[in-house]
Amino acid sequence: MATTQAANLVEKAIGHDNTATVHTDISNYNNEYGVETGEKIQAAVWQGKNSVGIVEMPKPRVVDSADAIVRVTGSTVCGSDLHLYHGVIPQLQKGDVLGHECCGVIESVGPDSKKYKPGQRVVVSFPIACGTCKRCAAQLYSQCENTNENSITNAMYGKRTAGIFGYSHFTGGFAGGQAEYLRVPYGDVNLLPIPDDVPDEKALYLSDVIGTSWHCVVDTGVNKGDTVAVWGAGPIGQMAVEFAFYHGAQRVFVVDGGEGGWRLDYVKGKVPRVETVDFSKLPRGESVSAHLRKITDHGVDVCLECVGGEYAKGWVHFFEQMVGAETDTSEIVNEMITAVRPFGRVGITGVYAGFTNHFNIGALMQTGVRLIGNGQAPVQKYWEDLMRLIQKGEIDPLHMVSHRFRLEDIGRVYELFNQRDGGVQKVYLETRHSAPAAKEGPQLTQL
């Protein structure tokens, strides 16, 4: 569904106009702390539906006193970036800089920076937190009350959510990290130091995918001995599989298929204990829910949604999304509700932006299913502990990294992700500032 259709549906639902206060803007970099140098950088921007390209723009500089400017040495493309690519996230504008996962080296900081100095290697968190509000004090950083002033978001969800780098004006209008430099508000809160013994290729993914997968598992409540089913064999789903086993799950299934069916083999190659379900190869008339009930002795204890609400499997939802009658399909959530055992737990980590139709609320209520919206993950809550697990070798983010590309090739990289073929699972995007590829990671692929 087009961006304008999604925005109109939101307006109609909440009785609100399409105006929003944007916390910051990529063109507003000059103030008393910034130094005008005239230097230009390359950045990936949204150019319209299914179009991303590289443009030249002014180098960011310190705007607020707690800012940090990061020289980006690595970024990536997330599955949720495809929702932007397709134009289904409200208030995405042509020219917006994309990317919410990156790492780099601090180039400069504002006068109120207390923790960091230029020259330090750091990871950037994808949610932007102030560190001082009530939500941040409770470590709910992704629900910060001060970094997203968008009025539609606030009215639609009934509460504040944090700003997010590179994810439209719906989440604050912050420029993203698929660029050579990034301005990071509240740097003391939203940066994590990278130890010398951890290469960028492992540290980068603490921006989002590692913390998000971990949060999905612990927030939904995977316990020792559980049987778990994960929908989606992409990077988030793959790491959720690994973390479910890490937290004591006895059996873990991963569900995918169709054009993305190759990912089942990819995950199986990295996590041999996982059992795979290809929905496109099930017997005619057999649903994923029925198949999972058939091959487990009591049903699934926990279901984890790692796909998102954009992908319709049936014609009804396909056409409803086409005409703007809903923003998200309920099909996968309904599958999980009917697959999980009575009083089981269903966690939603895949991105859902707005409203859905044909939701099986009766099954939810009648069978006592616990439906848990995991929210955008408060990665800052977990990332210090997760970094230590990476250092000890208990977590290896490189399990999901299939390719290394150049930032300049970002348009083609988005195309590969969108096609869901070619064996591209998770990528590392290098910039002109990157160190040579780590020996344990993929080497550069020329496009």
Protein backbone atom coordinates (compact mmCIF):
# COMPACT_ATOMS: atom_id res chain seq x y z
CA MET A 1 0.00 0.00 0.00
CA ALA A 2 1.32 3.44 -0.83
CA THR A 3 2.57 5.78 1.86
CA THR A 4 -0.25 8.26 1.27
CA GLN A 5 -2.87 5.52 1.61
CA ALA A 6 -1.38 4.40 4.93
CA ALA A 7 -1.28 7.96 6.22
CA ASN A 8 -4.89 8.57 5.16
CA LEU A 9 -6.03 5.39 6.91
CA VAL A 10 -4.27 6.53 10.08
CA GLU A 11 -5.85 9.99 9.88
CA LYS A 12 -9.33 8.52 9.43
CA ALA A 13 -8.89 6.16 12.36
CA ILE A 14 -7.66 8.75 14.84
CA GLY A 15 -9.48 11.82 13.58
CA HIS A 16 -6.23 13.68 13.04
CA ASP A 17 -4.69 15.65 10.24
CA ASN A 18 -1.44 14.72 8.55
CA THR A 19 0.76 17.22 10.33
CA ALA A 20 3.50 16.26 12.72
CA THR A 21 6.23 18.01 14.62
CA VAL A 22 9.52 16.59 13.45
CA HIS A 23 12.16 16.41 16.15
CA THR A 24 15.04 16.95 13.80
CA ASP A 25 15.77 17.11 10.10
CA ILE A 26 18.74 16.18 7.97
CA SER A 27 19.03 19.75 6.68
CA ASN A 28 19.15 21.37 10.12
CA TYR A 29 22.78 20.85 11.08
CA ASN A 30 24.01 24.44 11.52
CA ASN A 31 24.06 26.00 14.96
CA GLU A 32 26.50 27.40 17.49
CA TYR A 33 28.27 24.05 18.01
CA GLY A 34 28.61 23.08 14.35
CA VAL A 35 31.44 24.20 12.12
CA GLU A 36 30.57 24.86 8.49
CA THR A 37 33.19 23.04 6.43
CA GLY A 38 31.42 22.58 3.14
CA GLU A 39 32.37 18.90 3.19
CA LYS A 40 30.00 16.53 1.40
CA ILE A 41 29.18 12.90 2.17
CA GLN A 42 27.43 10.04 0.42
CA ALA A 43 24.17 8.73 1.83
CA ALA A 44 21.44 6.29 0.79
CA VAL A 45 18.04 7.94 0.36
CA TRP A 46 14.53 6.79 -0.48
CA GLN A 47 13.68 7.99 -3.98
CA GLY A 48 10.16 6.60 -4.24
CA LYS A 49 8.52 3.18 -4.13
CA ASN A 50 11.09 0.41 -4.73
CA SER A 51 13.87 2.92 -5.39
CA VAL A 52 16.90 3.69 -3.22
CA GLY A 53 19.98 5.52 -4.40
CA ILE A 54 23.13 7.34 -3.32
CA VAL A 55 23.18 11.12 -3.16
CA GLU A 56 25.67 13.74 -2.01
CA MET A 57 24.71 15.95 0.93
CA PRO A 58 26.33 18.12 3.62
CA LYS A 59 28.27 16.36 6.32
CA PRO A 60 26.30 16.34 9.59
CA ARG A 61 27.57 18.33 12.54
CA VAL A 62 26.73 18.74 16.21
CA VAL A 63 23.33 20.38 16.69
CA ASP A 64 22.58 19.82 20.37
CA SER A 65 25.12 19.85 23.16
CA ALA A 66 24.81 16.09 23.86
CA ASP A 67 25.28 15.05 20.22
CA ALA A 68 28.00 12.89 18.77
CA ILE A 69 29.08 12.71 15.14
CA VAL A 70 30.03 9.18 14.07
CA ARG A 71 32.17 8.35 11.06
CA VAL A 72 30.35 5.25 9.81
CA THR A 73 32.53 2.19 9.20
CA GLY A 74 29.74 -0.34 8.78
CA SER A 75 26.01 -0.45 8.23
CA THR A 76 23.49 -2.97 6.94
CA VAL A 77 20.03 -3.49 5.49
CA CYS A 78 17.31 -4.82 7.79
CA GLY A 79 14.25 -6.78 6.74
CA SER A 80 12.15 -3.96 8.17
CA ASP A 81 13.84 -1.58 5.72
CA LEU A 82 11.86 -3.34 2.99
CA HIS A 83 8.67 -1.85 4.45
CA LEU A 84 10.21 1.55 3.73
CA TYR A 85 11.44 0.42 0.33
CA HIS A 86 7.89 -0.59 -0.58
CA GLY A 87 6.53 2.73 0.66
CA VAL A 88 4.15 1.28 3.26
CA ILE A 89 5.41 3.18 6.32
CA PRO A 90 3.51 6.46 6.83
CA GLN A 91 5.22 9.81 6.31
CA LEU A 92 8.28 8.54 4.49
CA GLN A 93 9.46 11.33 2.19
CA LYS A 94 11.62 11.31 -0.89
CA GLY A 95 15.16 12.20 0.10
CA ASP A 96 14.97 10.70 3.59
CA VAL A 97 18.26 9.02 4.58
CA LEU A 98 17.71 5.34 5.39
CA GLY A 99 19.33 2.86 7.75
CA HIS A 100 18.92 2.22 11.47
CA GLU A 101 21.90 -0.06 12.14
CA CYS A 102 25.49 1.13 12.04
CA CYS A 103 28.82 1.31 13.83
CA GLY A 104 31.78 3.61 13.46
CA VAL A 105 34.29 5.92 15.06
CA ILE A 106 33.39 9.06 16.99
CA GLU A 107 34.62 12.11 15.14
CA SER A 108 33.30 14.88 17.39
CA VAL A 109 31.04 15.38 20.40
CA GLY A 110 29.04 18.20 21.91
CA PRO A 111 30.16 19.98 25.09
CA ASP A 112 27.77 17.98 27.28
CA SER A 113 29.18 14.60 26.27
CA LYS A 114 30.53 12.91 29.42
CA LYS A 115 31.28 9.33 28.39
CA TYR A 116 32.83 9.48 24.95
CA LYS A 117 35.73 11.09 23.15
CA PRO A 118 36.69 11.37 19.50
CA GLY A 119 38.47 8.29 18.20
CA GLN A 120 36.42 5.68 20.08
CA ARG A 121 34.84 2.81 18.14
CA VAL A 122 31.14 2.55 18.87
CA VAL A 123 27.87 0.86 17.96
CA VAL A 124 24.81 3.07 17.47
CA SER A 125 21.45 1.91 18.90
CA PHE A 126 18.54 2.03 16.47
CA PRO A 127 16.04 3.58 18.97
CA ILE A 128 17.00 7.07 20.10
CA ALA A 129 16.61 7.58 23.86
CA CYS A 130 17.12 10.63 26.04
CA GLY A 131 18.18 8.61 29.09
CA THR A 132 16.32 10.76 31.62
CA CYS A 133 12.56 10.36 31.11
CA LYS A 134 10.42 7.92 33.08
CA ARG A 135 10.53 5.26 30.35
CA CYS A 136 14.30 5.47 29.99
CA ALA A 137 14.69 5.23 33.77
CA ALA A 138 12.83 1.90 33.55
CA GLN A 139 15.15 0.78 30.70
CA LEU A 140 12.28 1.01 28.21
CA TYR A 141 14.50 3.02 25.90
CA SER A 142 12.49 2.32 22.74
CA GLN A 143 9.52 4.06 24.37
CA CYS A 144 11.42 7.25 25.25
CA GLU A 145 9.04 10.15 25.84
CA ASN A 146 11.29 12.87 24.45
CA THR A 147 12.73 11.85 21.08
CA ASN A 148 9.68 11.52 18.82
CA GLU A 149 7.32 14.47 18.73
CA ASN A 150 5.28 13.14 15.80
CA SER A 151 1.66 13.93 16.62
CA ILE A 152 0.13 11.18 14.46
CA THR A 153 2.26 8.47 16.09
CA ASN A 154 1.32 9.71 19.54
CA ALA A 155 -2.40 9.86 18.78
CA MET A 156 -2.46 6.54 16.95
CA TYR A 157 -0.65 4.50 19.61
CA GLY A 158 -1.93 6.45 22.62
CA LYS A 159 1.57 7.00 23.97
CA ARG A 160 5.01 8.19 22.95
CA THR A 161 7.48 5.96 21.16
CA ALA A 162 11.15 6.73 20.70
CA GLY A 163 12.63 8.20 17.59
CA ILE A 164 14.36 5.75 15.24
CA PHE A 165 17.21 6.45 12.86
CA GLY A 166 16.31 6.36 9.18
CA TYR A 167 12.71 5.22 9.57
CA SER A 168 10.52 8.06 8.26
CA HIS A 169 9.03 11.11 9.93
CA PHE A 170 6.56 8.76 11.62
CA THR A 171 9.45 7.91 13.96
CA GLY A 172 10.90 11.39 14.27
CA GLY A 173 12.49 12.16 10.92
CA PHE A 174 16.05 11.31 11.93
CA ALA A 175 18.63 10.77 9.20
CA GLY A 176 19.82 7.17 9.06
CA GLY A 177 23.11 5.31 9.13
CA GLN A 178 23.33 4.05 5.55
CA ALA A 179 25.70 6.95 5.06
CA GLU A 180 29.31 7.94 5.60
CA TYR A 181 28.52 10.01 8.71
CA LEU A 182 25.71 10.08 11.25
CA ARG A 183 24.61 12.58 13.87
CA VAL A 184 23.66 10.73 17.08
CA PRO A 185 21.50 12.67 19.59
CA TYR A 186 22.17 11.92 23.27
CA GLY A 187 25.39 10.14 22.40
CA ASP A 188 26.07 9.07 25.99
CA VAL A 189 22.86 6.98 25.92
CA ASN A 190 22.80 5.75 22.34
CA LEU A 191 26.40 4.63 21.79
CA LEU A 192 28.16 1.47 23.00
CA PRO A 193 31.97 1.14 23.01
CA ILE A 194 33.41 -1.68 20.91
CA PRO A 195 36.20 -3.64 22.62
CA ASP A 196 39.46 -4.03 20.73
CA ASP A 197 38.96 -7.80 20.41
CA VAL A 198 35.57 -7.49 18.64
CA PRO A 199 35.63 -6.63 14.91
CA ASP A 200 33.07 -4.26 13.45
CA GLU A 201 31.51 -7.18 11.58
CA LYS A 202 30.40 -8.69 14.90
CA ALA A 203 29.69 -5.49 16.83
CA LEU A 204 27.51 -3.81 14.20
CA TYR A 205 24.50 -6.05 14.72
CA LEU A 206 24.08 -4.99 18.34
CA SER A 207 22.46 -1.92 16.79
CA ASP A 208 19.31 -3.92 16.23
CA VAL A 209 19.12 -7.55 15.10
CA ILE A 210 20.94 -9.17 18.04
CA GLY A 211 19.14 -7.11 20.69
CA THR A 212 15.80 -7.42 18.90
CA SER A 213 16.04 -11.20 18.61
CA TRP A 214 17.12 -11.54 22.23
CA HIS A 215 14.28 -9.29 23.38
CA CYS A 216 11.79 -11.28 21.32
CA VAL A 217 12.78 -14.48 23.14
CA VAL A 218 13.03 -13.15 26.69
CA ASP A 219 10.07 -10.77 26.50
CA THR A 220 7.75 -13.49 25.16
CA GLY A 221 9.13 -15.90 27.74
CA VAL A 222 10.91 -18.90 26.27
CA ASN A 223 11.61 -21.33 29.12
CA LYS A 224 13.57 -24.51 29.58
CA GLY A 225 11.88 -27.46 27.89
CA ASP A 226 9.57 -25.35 25.69
CA THR A 227 8.61 -26.18 22.14
CA VAL A 228 8.98 -23.00 20.08
CA ALA A 229 7.93 -22.05 16.53
CA VAL A 230 9.49 -19.04 14.80
CA TRP A 231 7.80 -17.50 11.77
CA GLY A 232 10.41 -16.09 9.37
CA ALA A 233 13.86 -17.49 8.56
CA GLY A 234 15.48 -14.13 7.98
CA PRO A 235 18.21 -12.74 10.27
CA ILE A 236 15.83 -11.89 13.14
CA GLY A 237 14.18 -15.30 12.93
CA GLN A 238 17.53 -17.07 12.66
CA MET A 239 18.91 -15.41 15.77
CA ALA A 240 15.61 -15.96 17.61
CA VAL A 241 16.06 -19.67 16.87
CA GLU A 242 19.57 -19.59 18.33
CA PHE A 243 18.47 -17.63 21.39
CA ALA A 244 15.47 -19.91 22.00
CA PHE A 245 17.88 -22.85 22.25
CA TYR A 246 20.21 -20.71 24.40
CA HIS A 247 17.34 -20.19 26.86
CA GLY A 248 16.59 -23.90 27.12
CA ALA A 249 14.00 -24.66 24.44
CA GLN A 250 13.77 -28.39 23.73
CA ARG A 251 12.45 -28.15 20.15
CA VAL A 252 12.47 -25.17 17.80
CA PHE A 253 10.73 -24.96 14.44
CA VAL A 254 11.28 -22.23 11.86
CA VAL A 255 8.54 -21.49 9.32
CA ASP A 256 9.16 -19.95 5.90
CA GLY A 257 8.69 -20.84 2.26
CA GLY A 258 7.94 -19.70 -1.25
CA GLU A 259 10.59 -17.35 -2.64
CA GLY A 260 12.27 -17.28 0.77
CA GLY A 261 12.40 -21.04 1.16
CA TRP A 262 16.16 -21.16 0.63
CA ARG A 263 16.53 -19.44 4.00
CA LEU A 264 15.27 -22.55 5.75
CA ASP A 265 18.31 -24.43 4.47
CA TYR A 266 20.53 -21.49 5.42
CA VAL A 267 19.30 -21.50 9.02
CA LYS A 268 19.46 -25.30 9.19
CA GLY A 269 23.10 -25.11 8.08
CA LYS A 270 23.92 -22.76 10.96
CA VAL A 271 21.67 -24.33 13.62
CA PRO A 272 21.44 -28.08 12.90
CA ARG A 273 19.03 -28.72 15.79
CA VAL A 274 16.30 -26.56 14.27
CA GLU A 275 13.37 -28.23 12.50
CA THR A 276 12.05 -26.54 9.37
CA VAL A 277 8.52 -26.06 8.01
CA ASP A 278 8.15 -24.93 4.39
CA PHE A 279 4.58 -23.66 4.15
CA SER A 280 4.69 -23.75 0.36
CA LYS A 281 5.29 -27.53 0.38
CA LEU A 282 2.63 -28.61 2.84
CA PRO A 283 -0.06 -31.03 1.59
CA ARG A 284 -2.93 -29.26 -0.14
CA GLY A 285 -5.39 -27.96 2.44
CA GLU A 286 -3.05 -28.41 5.41
CA SER A 287 -2.33 -25.16 7.26
CA VAL A 288 0.85 -24.34 9.11
CA SER A 289 -1.13 -24.45 12.36
CA ALA A 290 -2.51 -27.92 11.63
CA HIS A 291 0.92 -29.18 10.60
CA LEU A 292 2.55 -27.96 13.81
CA ARG A 293 -0.20 -29.50 15.92
CA LYS A 294 0.28 -32.78 14.06
CA ILE A 295 4.04 -33.02 14.60
CA THR A 296 4.09 -31.97 18.27
CA ASP A 297 2.68 -33.94 21.18
CA HIS A 298 0.83 -31.07 22.85
CA GLY A 299 1.10 -28.13 20.48
CA VAL A 300 3.63 -25.31 20.52
CA ASP A 301 4.36 -23.54 23.81
CA VAL A 302 5.66 -20.32 22.27
CA CYS A 303 5.23 -18.74 18.83
CA LEU A 304 7.48 -15.89 17.70
CA GLU A 305 6.56 -13.61 14.79
CA CYS A 306 9.68 -12.37 12.97
CA VAL A 307 8.18 -11.40 9.60
CA GLY A 308 5.90 -8.35 9.76
CA GLY A 309 2.39 -7.48 8.73
CA GLU A 310 3.01 -6.44 5.14
CA TYR A 311 3.10 -9.85 3.50
CA ALA A 312 -0.34 -11.13 2.56
CA LYS A 313 -0.69 -14.83 1.69
CA GLY A 314 -4.37 -14.75 0.71
CA TRP A 315 -6.17 -12.68 -1.91
CA VAL A 316 -8.54 -10.99 0.56
CA HIS A 317 -5.74 -9.34 2.51
CA PHE A 318 -3.78 -8.64 -0.67
CA PHE A 319 -6.62 -6.56 -2.13
CA GLU A 320 -7.48 -4.91 1.19
CA GLN A 321 -3.92 -3.67 1.46
CA MET A 322 -3.92 -2.60 -2.17
CA VAL A 323 -6.97 -0.36 -1.68
CA GLY A 324 -5.91 0.94 1.73
CA ALA A 325 -8.52 -0.95 3.77
CA GLU A 326 -5.82 -2.15 6.17
CA THR A 327 -2.14 -1.46 6.72
CA ASP A 328 -1.20 -4.92 8.00
CA THR A 329 -2.41 -8.46 7.43
CA SER A 330 -3.50 -10.61 10.38
CA GLU A 331 -2.78 -13.94 8.65
CA ILE A 332 0.47 -14.86 10.39
CA VAL A 333 -0.79 -13.75 13.80
CA ASN A 334 -3.91 -15.87 13.30
CA GLU A 335 -1.74 -18.85 12.37
CA MET A 336 0.25 -18.47 15.56
CA ILE A 337 -2.85 -18.10 17.74
CA THR A 338 -4.29 -21.37 16.39
CA ALA A 339 -0.93 -23.18 16.45
CA VAL A 340 0.04 -22.40 20.03
CA ARG A 341 -1.29 -24.56 22.87
CA PRO A 342 -4.01 -23.23 25.20
CA PHE A 343 -2.58 -20.51 27.43
CA GLY A 344 0.56 -20.47 25.30
CA ARG A 345 2.49 -17.34 24.40
CA VAL A 346 2.66 -15.48 21.10
CA GLY A 347 5.23 -12.71 20.65
CA ILE A 348 5.16 -10.17 17.82
CA THR A 349 8.52 -8.72 16.84
CA GLY A 350 7.96 -8.27 13.08
CA VAL A 351 6.97 -4.71 12.18
CA TYR A 352 3.25 -3.88 12.19
CA ALA A 353 2.47 -0.22 11.56
CA GLY A 354 -1.28 0.23 11.94
CA PHE A 355 -4.54 -1.63 11.48
CA THR A 356 -5.57 -5.14 10.43
CA ASN A 357 -8.81 -6.94 9.52
CA HIS A 358 -10.14 -10.47 10.16
CA PHE A 359 -8.22 -10.85 13.41
CA ASN A 360 -9.16 -14.08 15.23
CA ILE A 361 -9.91 -12.48 18.57
CA GLY A 362 -12.26 -15.31 19.51
CA ALA A 363 -9.51 -17.91 19.44
CA LEU A 364 -7.31 -15.58 21.47
CA MET A 365 -9.90 -15.18 24.20
CA GLN A 366 -11.42 -18.66 24.21
CA THR A 367 -8.09 -20.52 24.45
CA GLY A 368 -6.34 -18.14 26.81
CA VAL A 369 -3.50 -17.28 24.45
CA ARG A 370 -1.09 -14.60 25.72
CA LEU A 371 -0.56 -12.21 22.79
CA ILE A 372 2.52 -10.10 23.43
CA GLY A 373 3.57 -7.14 21.36
CA ASN A 374 7.32 -7.15 21.95
CA GLY A 375 7.59 -3.54 20.80
CA GLN A 376 10.66 -2.04 19.25
CA ALA A 377 13.44 -3.60 21.30
CA PRO A 378 15.12 -1.46 23.97
CA VAL A 379 18.52 -2.65 22.77
CA GLN A 380 20.42 -0.43 25.20
CA LYS A 381 19.00 -2.59 28.01
CA TYR A 382 20.77 -5.68 26.72
CA TRP A 383 23.74 -4.67 24.60
CA GLU A 384 26.48 -4.58 27.26
CA ASP A 385 25.68 -8.15 28.33
CA LEU A 386 25.33 -9.26 24.71
CA MET A 387 28.69 -7.72 23.84
CA ARG A 388 30.26 -9.82 26.60
CA LEU A 389 28.63 -12.96 25.17
CA ILE A 390 30.11 -12.07 21.78
CA GLN A 391 33.54 -11.62 23.37
CA LYS A 392 33.25 -15.04 25.02
CA GLY A 393 32.15 -16.67 21.78
CA GLU A 394 28.73 -17.67 23.12
CA ILE A 395 27.06 -15.56 20.41
CA ASP A 396 28.42 -15.28 16.88
CA PRO A 397 26.58 -12.67 14.78
CA LEU A 398 28.54 -13.81 11.73
CA HIS A 399 26.31 -16.91 11.59
CA MET A 400 23.75 -14.76 9.77
CA VAL A 401 26.10 -12.60 7.67
CA SER A 402 26.24 -13.87 4.11
CA HIS A 403 27.70 -10.96 2.12
CA ARG A 404 29.79 -7.82 2.28
CA PHE A 405 28.90 -5.03 -0.16
CA ARG A 406 29.85 -1.41 -0.71
CA LEU A 407 27.57 1.43 0.37
CA GLU A 408 27.75 2.73 -3.20
CA ASP A 409 25.90 -0.40 -4.36
CA ILE A 410 22.97 0.14 -1.98
CA GLY A 411 20.35 0.33 -4.74
CA ARG A 412 21.26 -3.12 -6.02
CA VAL A 413 21.48 -4.48 -2.46
CA TYR A 414 17.89 -3.42 -1.79
CA GLU A 415 16.86 -5.11 -5.03
CA LEU A 416 18.49 -8.37 -3.88
CA PHE A 417 16.73 -8.19 -0.53
CA ASN A 418 13.43 -7.48 -2.19
CA GLN A 419 13.82 -10.45 -4.55
CA ARG A 420 14.45 -12.73 -1.55
CA ASP A 421 16.85 -14.87 -3.52
CA GLY A 422 20.52 -15.08 -4.28
CA GLY A 423 21.38 -16.37 -0.82
CA VAL A 424 21.55 -12.87 0.68
CA GLN A 425 20.73 -13.27 4.38
CA LYS A 426 22.39 -10.42 6.29
CA VAL A 427 24.95 -8.04 4.83
CA TYR A 428 27.76 -5.81 5.95
CA LEU A 429 27.93 -2.51 4.06
CA GLU A 430 31.39 -0.99 4.00
CA THR A 431 32.14 2.70 3.49
CA ARG A 432 35.32 4.52 2.56
CA HIS A 433 36.06 4.60 6.30
CA SER A 434 35.89 0.82 6.85
CA ALA A 435 38.77 -1.36 7.93
CA PRO A 436 39.65 -4.36 5.75
CA ALA A 437 37.26 -7.27 6.07
CA ALA A 438 37.78 -9.47 9.12
CA LYS A 439 39.15 -12.88 8.16
CA GLU A 440 36.22 -14.69 9.82
CA GLY A 441 33.61 -12.66 7.90
CA PRO A 442 32.59 -12.59 4.22
CA GLN A 443 34.89 -10.78 1.81
CA LEU A 444 33.71 -7.99 -0.47
CA THR A 445 31.31 -8.94 -3.26
CA GLN A 446 31.46 -6.63 -6.27
CA LEU A 447 28.10 -5.73 -7.81
